[in-house]
N, C-alpha and C. Protein backbone atom coordinates (compact mmCIF):
# COMPACT_ATOMS: atom_id res chain seq x y z
N UNK A 1 177.02 128.63 51.86
CA UNK A 1 175.65 128.79 51.54
C UNK A 1 175.09 127.73 52.39
N UNK A 2 175.58 126.93 52.96
CA UNK A 2 175.20 125.36 53.29
C UNK A 2 175.29 125.81 55.02
N UNK A 3 173.81 126.21 55.45
CA UNK A 3 173.71 126.32 56.43
C UNK A 3 172.95 125.04 57.14
N UNK A 4 173.20 124.92 58.69
CA UNK A 4 172.29 123.66 59.37
C UNK A 4 171.47 124.49 59.90
N UNK A 5 170.39 123.76 60.41
CA UNK A 5 169.34 124.34 61.24
C UNK A 5 169.73 123.96 62.38
N UNK A 6 169.52 124.82 63.45
CA UNK A 6 169.50 124.48 64.90
C UNK A 6 168.22 123.76 64.92
N UNK A 7 168.54 122.91 65.86
CA UNK A 7 167.17 121.91 66.04
C UNK A 7 166.20 122.31 66.90
N UNK A 8 166.30 123.63 67.41
CA UNK A 8 164.95 124.46 68.03
C UNK A 8 164.11 124.73 66.24
N UNK A 9 164.86 125.29 65.50
CA UNK A 9 164.23 125.79 64.59
C UNK A 9 163.64 124.90 63.58
N UNK A 10 164.40 123.92 63.72
CA UNK A 10 163.61 122.82 63.00
C UNK A 10 162.47 121.90 63.77
N UNK A 11 162.20 122.09 64.89
CA UNK A 11 161.44 121.47 65.70
C UNK A 11 159.91 121.84 65.65
N UNK A 12 159.66 123.02 65.07
CA UNK A 12 158.12 123.46 64.97
C UNK A 12 157.61 122.84 63.67
N UNK A 13 158.19 122.74 62.85
CA UNK A 13 157.90 121.97 61.93
C UNK A 13 157.03 120.36 62.14
N UNK A 14 157.55 119.78 62.88
CA UNK A 14 157.19 118.45 63.72
C UNK A 14 155.88 118.58 64.40
N UNK A 15 156.01 119.99 65.07
CA UNK A 15 154.52 120.40 65.85
C UNK A 15 153.61 120.86 64.91
N UNK A 16 153.72 121.44 63.97
CA UNK A 16 152.62 122.19 63.14
C UNK A 16 152.20 120.65 62.10
N UNK A 17 152.96 119.91 61.78
CA UNK A 17 152.34 119.38 60.60
C UNK A 17 151.28 117.92 61.25
N UNK A 18 151.33 117.39 62.54
CA UNK A 18 150.46 117.12 62.63
C UNK A 18 149.20 117.53 62.62
N UNK A 19 149.18 118.78 63.31
CA UNK A 19 147.84 119.90 63.31
C UNK A 19 147.18 119.77 61.84
N UNK A 20 148.02 120.01 61.07
CA UNK A 20 147.74 120.56 59.62
C UNK A 20 147.06 118.94 59.07
N UNK A 21 147.61 117.99 59.48
CA UNK A 21 147.10 116.88 58.86
C UNK A 21 145.78 116.40 59.38
N UNK A 22 145.55 116.81 60.58
CA UNK A 22 144.32 116.77 61.39
C UNK A 22 143.23 117.16 61.09
N UNK A 23 143.82 118.54 60.68
CA UNK A 23 142.80 119.69 60.08
C UNK A 23 142.20 119.27 58.63
N UNK A 24 143.08 119.07 58.08
CA UNK A 24 142.69 118.68 56.39
C UNK A 24 141.78 117.44 56.59
N UNK A 25 141.96 116.44 57.51
CA UNK A 25 141.33 115.05 57.65
C UNK A 25 140.15 115.32 57.76
N UNK A 26 139.80 116.49 58.94
CA UNK A 26 138.34 116.85 59.35
C UNK A 26 137.69 117.50 58.38
N UNK A 27 138.29 118.48 57.84
CA UNK A 27 137.69 119.25 56.85
C UNK A 27 137.01 118.05 55.51
N UNK A 28 138.05 117.13 55.17
CA UNK A 28 137.72 116.12 54.26
C UNK A 28 136.45 115.33 54.63
N UNK A 29 136.41 115.34 55.74
CA UNK A 29 135.24 114.48 56.35
C UNK A 29 133.83 115.11 56.55
N UNK A 30 134.22 116.30 57.04
CA UNK A 30 132.91 116.98 57.59
C UNK A 30 132.43 118.47 56.72
N UNK A 31 133.32 118.44 55.89
CA UNK A 31 132.92 119.64 55.04
C UNK A 31 131.95 119.61 54.34
N UNK A 32 131.04 120.93 53.65
CA UNK A 32 129.96 120.63 53.27
C UNK A 32 129.75 119.56 51.86
N UNK A 33 131.02 119.57 51.10
CA UNK A 33 131.10 118.79 49.90
C UNK A 33 132.23 117.50 50.60
N UNK A 34 132.21 117.01 51.81
CA UNK A 34 132.99 116.11 52.48
C UNK A 34 132.52 114.72 51.79
N UNK A 35 133.22 113.37 52.86
CA UNK A 35 132.64 112.34 52.47
C UNK A 35 131.30 112.11 53.28
N UNK A 36 131.04 112.50 54.32
CA UNK A 36 129.49 112.37 54.74
C UNK A 36 128.47 112.75 53.93
N UNK A 37 128.91 113.78 53.03
CA UNK A 37 127.80 114.57 52.15
C UNK A 37 127.94 113.53 51.07
N UNK A 38 129.18 112.98 50.47
CA UNK A 38 129.22 111.91 49.45
C UNK A 38 128.41 110.76 49.98
N UNK A 39 128.42 110.30 51.13
CA UNK A 39 127.82 109.09 51.73
C UNK A 39 126.31 109.30 51.65
N UNK A 40 125.85 110.13 51.89
CA UNK A 40 124.48 110.79 52.42
C UNK A 40 123.90 110.92 50.52
N UNK A 41 124.53 111.63 49.85
CA UNK A 41 124.06 111.19 48.47
C UNK A 41 124.14 109.83 47.98
N UNK A 42 124.96 109.24 48.07
CA UNK A 42 124.92 107.86 47.44
C UNK A 42 123.91 107.05 48.09
N UNK A 43 123.40 107.23 49.61
CA UNK A 43 122.23 106.65 49.50
C UNK A 43 120.79 107.24 49.20
N UNK A 44 120.91 108.49 48.85
CA UNK A 44 119.52 109.02 48.29
C UNK A 44 119.75 108.33 46.81
N UNK A 45 120.55 108.32 46.38
CA UNK A 45 120.73 107.69 45.00
C UNK A 45 120.44 106.50 44.76
N UNK A 46 120.90 105.50 45.89
CA UNK A 46 120.20 103.74 45.63
C UNK A 46 118.56 104.26 45.79
N UNK A 47 118.28 105.19 46.98
CA UNK A 47 116.49 104.99 47.31
C UNK A 47 116.01 105.76 45.73
N UNK A 48 116.61 106.51 45.13
CA UNK A 48 115.91 107.09 43.73
C UNK A 48 115.69 105.69 42.99
N UNK A 49 117.13 104.96 42.85
CA UNK A 49 117.05 103.91 42.22
C UNK A 49 116.12 102.75 42.41
N UNK A 50 115.71 102.70 43.56
CA UNK A 50 114.30 101.33 43.97
C UNK A 50 113.18 102.00 43.27
N UNK A 51 113.04 103.46 44.02
CA UNK A 51 111.87 104.04 43.69
C UNK A 51 111.74 103.84 42.01
N UNK A 52 112.75 104.45 41.07
CA UNK A 52 112.44 104.39 39.82
C UNK A 52 112.30 103.02 39.56
N UNK A 53 112.63 101.85 39.76
CA UNK A 53 112.45 100.39 39.44
C UNK A 53 110.97 100.21 39.90
N UNK A 54 110.40 100.38 40.92
CA UNK A 54 109.25 100.11 41.35
C UNK A 54 108.26 100.89 40.01
N UNK A 55 108.57 102.21 40.14
CA UNK A 55 107.88 102.83 39.01
C UNK A 55 107.61 102.24 37.57
N UNK A 56 108.70 101.84 36.96
CA UNK A 56 108.62 101.20 36.09
C UNK A 56 108.23 99.82 36.01
N UNK A 57 108.20 99.17 37.04
CA UNK A 57 107.41 97.99 36.97
C UNK A 57 105.63 98.24 36.85
N UNK A 58 105.09 99.13 37.72
CA UNK A 58 103.85 99.73 37.48
C UNK A 58 103.66 100.16 36.35
N UNK A 59 104.44 100.79 35.22
CA UNK A 59 104.44 101.40 34.13
C UNK A 59 103.63 100.44 33.10
N UNK A 60 104.94 99.12 33.43
CA UNK A 60 104.80 98.24 32.61
C UNK A 60 103.19 97.42 32.84
N UNK A 61 103.35 97.25 34.10
CA UNK A 61 101.73 96.79 34.37
C UNK A 61 100.59 97.49 33.57
N UNK A 62 100.93 98.76 34.15
CA UNK A 62 99.78 99.64 33.40
C UNK A 62 99.36 99.53 32.00
N UNK A 63 100.59 99.44 31.34
CA UNK A 63 100.82 99.59 29.77
C UNK A 63 100.28 98.02 29.45
N UNK A 64 100.30 97.00 30.11
CA UNK A 64 99.75 96.08 29.87
C UNK A 64 98.10 95.87 30.15
N UNK A 65 97.70 96.41 31.19
CA UNK A 65 96.43 96.65 31.30
C UNK A 65 95.82 97.76 30.00
N UNK A 66 96.36 98.77 29.71
CA UNK A 66 95.78 99.37 28.52
C UNK A 66 95.60 98.59 27.50
N UNK A 67 96.85 97.90 26.89
CA UNK A 67 96.39 97.32 25.75
C UNK A 67 95.52 96.28 26.02
N UNK A 68 95.50 95.39 27.15
CA UNK A 68 94.43 94.24 27.32
C UNK A 68 92.86 94.90 27.44
N UNK A 69 92.80 96.14 27.51
CA UNK A 69 91.20 97.09 27.52
C UNK A 69 91.22 97.25 26.09
N UNK A 70 92.29 97.60 25.30
CA UNK A 70 91.91 98.17 24.01
C UNK A 70 91.62 97.08 23.34
N UNK A 71 92.43 95.61 23.60
CA UNK A 71 92.11 94.67 22.16
C UNK A 71 91.08 93.56 22.90
N UNK A 72 90.37 93.91 24.04
CA UNK A 72 89.98 92.48 24.43
C UNK A 72 88.34 92.86 24.86
N UNK A 73 87.30 93.05 24.46
CA UNK A 73 85.91 93.15 24.89
C UNK A 73 85.76 92.57 26.30
N UNK A 74 85.98 91.25 26.65
CA UNK A 74 85.55 90.83 27.64
C UNK A 74 86.97 91.61 28.91
N UNK A 75 87.58 92.19 28.95
CA UNK A 75 88.09 92.44 29.48
C UNK A 75 87.33 93.95 30.45
N UNK A 76 86.99 94.68 29.09
CA UNK A 76 86.14 95.73 29.47
C UNK A 76 84.86 95.68 30.28
N UNK A 77 84.47 94.49 29.99
CA UNK A 77 83.22 93.88 30.62
C UNK A 77 83.35 93.60 32.12
N UNK A 78 84.70 92.97 32.09
CA UNK A 78 84.69 92.50 33.53
C UNK A 78 85.37 93.59 34.36
N UNK A 79 85.77 94.52 33.92
CA UNK A 79 86.13 95.88 34.51
C UNK A 79 85.08 96.77 34.75
N UNK A 80 84.39 96.70 33.96
CA UNK A 80 82.81 97.44 34.25
C UNK A 80 81.99 96.61 34.98
N UNK A 81 81.81 95.44 35.44
CA UNK A 81 81.02 94.86 36.26
C UNK A 81 82.12 94.86 38.16
N UNK A 82 83.27 95.08 37.76
CA UNK A 82 83.65 95.30 39.10
C UNK A 82 83.98 96.46 39.73
N UNK A 83 84.05 97.43 38.71
CA UNK A 83 84.35 98.64 39.26
C UNK A 83 83.12 99.48 39.27
N UNK A 84 82.05 99.44 38.23
CA UNK A 84 80.71 99.85 38.15
C UNK A 84 79.66 99.27 38.68
N UNK A 85 79.82 97.95 38.56
CA UNK A 85 78.73 97.06 39.56
C UNK A 85 77.71 97.00 38.38
N UNK A 86 78.11 96.67 36.48
CA UNK A 86 76.94 96.97 36.04
C UNK A 86 76.80 95.34 35.68
N UNK A 87 75.33 95.19 35.22
CA UNK A 87 74.80 93.86 34.92
C UNK A 87 74.78 93.46 33.35
N UNK A 88 74.55 92.47 33.06
CA UNK A 88 73.79 92.10 31.75
C UNK A 88 72.54 92.20 31.73
N UNK A 89 72.04 92.36 30.36
CA UNK A 89 70.44 92.25 30.37
C UNK A 89 69.95 91.35 30.72
N UNK A 90 69.07 90.72 31.48
CA UNK A 90 68.22 89.55 31.83
C UNK A 90 69.18 88.95 32.78
N UNK A 91 70.01 89.31 33.57
CA UNK A 91 70.80 88.58 34.72
C UNK A 91 69.88 89.18 36.28
N UNK A 92 69.99 88.62 36.92
CA UNK A 92 69.51 88.53 38.30
C UNK A 92 70.55 88.93 39.57
N UNK A 93 70.18 90.14 40.46
CA UNK A 93 70.83 90.40 41.03
C UNK A 93 70.37 89.91 42.50
N UNK A 94 71.44 89.06 43.07
CA UNK A 94 71.02 88.53 44.69
C UNK A 94 71.75 89.55 45.58
N UNK A 95 71.11 90.17 46.49
CA UNK A 95 71.71 90.85 47.44
C UNK A 95 71.73 90.43 49.05
N UNK A 96 72.52 89.54 49.50
CA UNK A 96 72.61 88.74 50.78
C UNK A 96 72.62 90.09 52.09
N UNK A 97 71.59 90.11 52.76
CA UNK A 97 72.30 91.01 53.82
C UNK A 97 72.68 90.09 55.14
N UNK A 98 73.51 90.53 55.78
CA UNK A 98 73.94 89.51 57.14
C UNK A 98 72.88 90.10 58.11
N UNK A 99 72.16 88.88 59.23
CA UNK A 99 71.30 89.30 59.78
C UNK A 99 71.68 90.05 61.17
N UNK A 100 73.13 89.95 61.66
CA UNK A 100 73.81 90.46 62.51
C UNK A 100 73.93 91.89 62.24
N UNK A 101 74.46 92.27 61.00
CA UNK A 101 74.47 93.83 60.29
C UNK A 101 73.31 94.55 60.70
N UNK A 102 72.07 94.12 60.67
CA UNK A 102 70.73 94.47 60.47
C UNK A 102 70.76 95.19 62.34
N UNK A 103 71.17 94.61 62.83
CA UNK A 103 70.91 94.91 64.49
C UNK A 103 71.64 96.02 64.58
């Protein structure tokens, strides 16, 4: 039962294995769920984490502004003056016009 393979019969193994190895590596790298796709997903994940961090900072700032507006009447007055151009009773408004802008 112990048969030795002839050198020509054993040779095809050595020819096919490199091609199989190359094909499997190409599939691992460029398949739809391969390494390139994994890298792209990692980059997208990092971008989303950065955007999430920015949005968390904006939310924190807005919560602070909401809290200040709920508790501090001076903050409401300041916002009304800046955003709506409101003035107190008895205040005078001076509007300066640039003479070059009139021409």
